[in-house]
């Protein structure tokens, strides 16, 4: 069960005497918004001829900024657990977007590098990402944007997320 689905379920559970109103609960609104943005982002990437998922784009962005990260660092930076990152990297390797090299000093460590094709795909995705960000923020003032970001930071801090949770 995904986190958002779980939160929606909790919001619908009866406490001792009252039912939580779904429409007054933040989590379902966050979940619905995330699903809408994800859907339109994936559709935009596909419509622009990019064989790329949001998750793959995030990995390419991290490697574009800091090539040669090891898988543990990449898992932490992308908020993914090791096994799901390994599956994601395998798909990206098959598409020739990334390359994994085993560390000579410690064979347990794999360094991940973005390929020329990965760089090209990432560069081609940037206008689509920019368009999506502009769409998300359309009709939202700078002050409202700051408020939303501060509220989301508060929500994130409520979970006291530790890196071990994702391992």
Protein backbone atom coordinates (compact mmCIF):
# COMPACT_ATOMS: atom_id res chain seq x y z
CA UNK A 1 0.00 0.00 0.00
CA UNK A 2 1.43 3.36 -0.98
CA UNK A 3 1.82 6.05 1.67
CA UNK A 4 -0.89 8.30 0.22
CA UNK A 5 -3.38 5.40 -0.03
CA UNK A 6 -2.58 4.49 3.58
CA UNK A 7 -3.14 8.08 4.75
CA UNK A 8 -6.47 8.19 2.90
CA UNK A 9 -7.42 4.93 4.61
CA UNK A 10 -6.49 6.37 8.02
CA UNK A 11 -8.52 9.51 7.30
CA UNK A 12 -11.56 7.31 6.69
CA UNK A 13 -11.13 5.22 9.84
CA UNK A 14 -13.51 5.82 12.68
CA UNK A 15 -11.96 6.99 15.89
CA UNK A 16 -13.78 6.40 19.15
CA UNK A 17 -16.66 8.72 18.24
CA UNK A 18 -16.02 10.56 15.00
CA UNK A 19 -15.18 10.03 11.35
CA UNK A 20 -12.37 12.09 9.82
CA UNK A 21 -13.67 14.20 6.94
CA UNK A 22 -11.75 13.29 3.79
CA UNK A 23 -12.27 16.75 2.27
CA UNK A 24 -10.68 18.43 5.30
CA UNK A 25 -7.61 16.17 5.38
CA UNK A 26 -4.40 17.42 3.69
CA UNK A 27 -2.97 14.03 2.71
CA UNK A 28 -5.68 13.04 0.19
CA UNK A 29 -5.34 16.42 -1.53
CA UNK A 30 -1.57 15.96 -1.70
CA UNK A 31 -2.00 12.45 -3.07
CA UNK A 32 -4.49 13.49 -5.72
CA UNK A 33 -2.31 16.43 -6.79
CA UNK A 34 0.79 14.22 -7.01
CA UNK A 35 -1.07 11.71 -9.17
CA UNK A 36 -2.34 14.45 -11.50
CA UNK A 37 1.13 16.01 -11.89
CA UNK A 38 2.75 12.58 -12.39
CA UNK A 39 0.18 11.66 -15.05
CA UNK A 40 0.62 14.87 -17.03
CA UNK A 41 4.40 14.81 -16.67
CA UNK A 42 4.59 11.26 -18.01
CA UNK A 43 2.20 12.15 -20.83
CA UNK A 44 4.27 15.25 -21.71
CA UNK A 45 7.51 13.27 -21.73
CA UNK A 46 5.96 10.63 -24.02
CA UNK A 47 4.38 13.23 -26.31
CA UNK A 48 7.80 14.82 -26.73
CA UNK A 49 9.31 11.51 -27.81
CA UNK A 50 11.22 10.94 -24.57
CA UNK A 51 11.48 7.35 -23.35
CA UNK A 52 11.85 8.51 -19.77
CA UNK A 53 9.94 8.19 -16.51
CA UNK A 54 9.86 10.75 -13.72
CA UNK A 55 12.00 8.47 -11.56
CA UNK A 56 14.57 8.04 -14.33
CA UNK A 57 14.63 11.80 -14.91
CA UNK A 58 15.38 12.37 -11.20
CA UNK A 59 18.30 9.94 -11.33
CA UNK A 60 19.64 11.60 -14.50
CA UNK A 61 19.37 15.00 -12.79
CA UNK A 62 21.35 13.80 -9.76
CA UNK A 63 24.04 12.26 -11.98
CA UNK A 64 24.09 15.29 -14.27
CA UNK A 65 24.86 17.41 -11.22
CA UNK A 66 27.25 14.93 -9.59
CA UNK A 67 28.41 12.10 -11.83
CA UNK A 68 29.93 8.98 -10.32
CA UNK A 69 27.77 8.66 -7.23
CA UNK A 70 27.67 5.23 -5.64
CA UNK A 71 24.33 3.43 -5.46
CA UNK A 72 23.91 4.03 -1.72
CA UNK A 73 24.40 7.78 -2.18
CA UNK A 74 21.99 7.77 -5.10
CA UNK A 75 19.38 5.85 -3.10
CA UNK A 76 19.62 8.40 -0.30
CA UNK A 77 19.47 11.41 -2.65
CA UNK A 78 16.46 10.05 -4.55
CA UNK A 79 14.63 8.80 -1.44
CA UNK A 80 14.50 5.24 -2.77
CA UNK A 81 15.34 1.96 -1.12
CA UNK A 82 18.30 0.00 -2.46
CA UNK A 83 16.32 -2.74 -4.20
CA UNK A 84 13.95 -0.39 -6.06
CA UNK A 85 16.92 1.77 -7.11
CA UNK A 86 18.73 -1.31 -8.40
CA UNK A 87 15.71 -2.22 -10.57
CA UNK A 88 15.45 1.36 -11.81
CA UNK A 89 19.16 1.52 -12.64
CA UNK A 90 18.94 -1.80 -14.53
CA UNK A 91 16.22 -0.36 -16.76
CA UNK A 92 18.26 2.80 -17.29
CA UNK A 93 21.35 0.76 -18.09
CA UNK A 94 19.37 -1.21 -20.69
CA UNK A 95 18.36 2.11 -22.27
CA UNK A 96 22.05 3.16 -22.23
CA UNK A 97 21.28 6.23 -20.05
CA UNK A 98 23.69 5.22 -17.30
CA UNK A 99 26.68 2.98 -16.73
CA UNK A 100 27.53 1.15 -13.50
CA UNK A 101 31.11 0.31 -12.61
CA UNK A 102 32.17 -1.84 -9.71
CA UNK A 103 34.67 -0.14 -7.42
CA UNK A 104 38.10 -1.77 -7.69
CA UNK A 105 38.90 -1.22 -3.98
CA UNK A 106 35.52 -2.45 -2.66
CA UNK A 107 33.61 -4.78 -4.96
CA UNK A 108 30.40 -4.19 -2.96
CA UNK A 109 30.26 -0.59 -4.21
CA UNK A 110 28.93 0.36 -7.66
CA UNK A 111 29.60 3.81 -9.04
CA UNK A 112 26.93 5.16 -11.38
CA UNK A 113 27.76 7.38 -14.34
CA UNK A 114 25.55 9.21 -16.81
CA UNK A 115 26.28 8.36 -20.46
CA UNK A 116 26.33 10.78 -23.39
CA UNK A 117 22.88 9.49 -24.34
CA UNK A 118 21.71 10.04 -20.75
CA UNK A 119 22.96 13.63 -20.88
CA UNK A 120 21.22 14.17 -24.20
CA UNK A 121 17.91 12.75 -22.91
CA UNK A 122 18.18 14.83 -19.74
CA UNK A 123 18.82 18.00 -21.77
CA UNK A 124 15.87 17.20 -24.05
CA UNK A 125 13.61 16.69 -21.00
CA UNK A 126 14.37 20.12 -19.50
CA UNK A 127 11.82 22.12 -21.56
CA UNK A 128 9.11 19.59 -20.65
CA UNK A 129 10.00 19.82 -16.96
CA UNK A 130 10.04 23.62 -17.15
CA UNK A 131 6.62 23.61 -18.80
CA UNK A 132 5.25 21.31 -16.06
CA UNK A 133 6.68 23.51 -13.29
CA UNK A 134 5.15 26.59 -14.94
CA UNK A 135 1.80 24.79 -15.22
CA UNK A 136 1.87 23.75 -11.56
CA UNK A 137 2.65 27.31 -10.46
CA UNK A 138 0.24 29.05 -12.86
CA UNK A 139 -2.07 31.53 -11.06
CA UNK A 140 -0.12 31.08 -7.81
CA UNK A 141 1.48 34.22 -6.41
CA UNK A 142 5.03 34.32 -5.08
CA UNK A 143 3.64 34.69 -1.56
CA UNK A 144 1.34 31.66 -2.01
CA UNK A 145 4.24 29.65 -3.43
CA UNK A 146 6.36 30.47 -0.36
CA UNK A 147 3.46 29.49 1.94
CA UNK A 148 2.95 26.18 0.14
CA UNK A 149 6.65 25.36 0.30
CA UNK A 150 6.78 26.18 4.03
CA UNK A 151 3.71 24.04 4.72
CA UNK A 152 5.15 21.12 2.76
CA UNK A 153 8.41 21.42 4.71
CA UNK A 154 6.42 21.26 7.95
CA UNK A 155 4.59 18.15 6.75
CA UNK A 156 7.90 16.52 5.80
CA UNK A 157 9.39 17.32 9.21
CA UNK A 158 6.38 15.69 10.88
CA UNK A 159 7.65 12.35 9.63
CA UNK A 160 11.17 12.71 11.04
CA UNK A 161 12.43 10.72 8.06
CA UNK A 162 15.71 8.95 8.65
CA UNK A 163 17.89 7.58 5.87
CA UNK A 164 17.75 4.11 7.49
CA UNK A 165 14.00 4.04 6.80
CA UNK A 166 14.71 3.96 3.08
CA UNK A 167 17.42 1.30 3.15
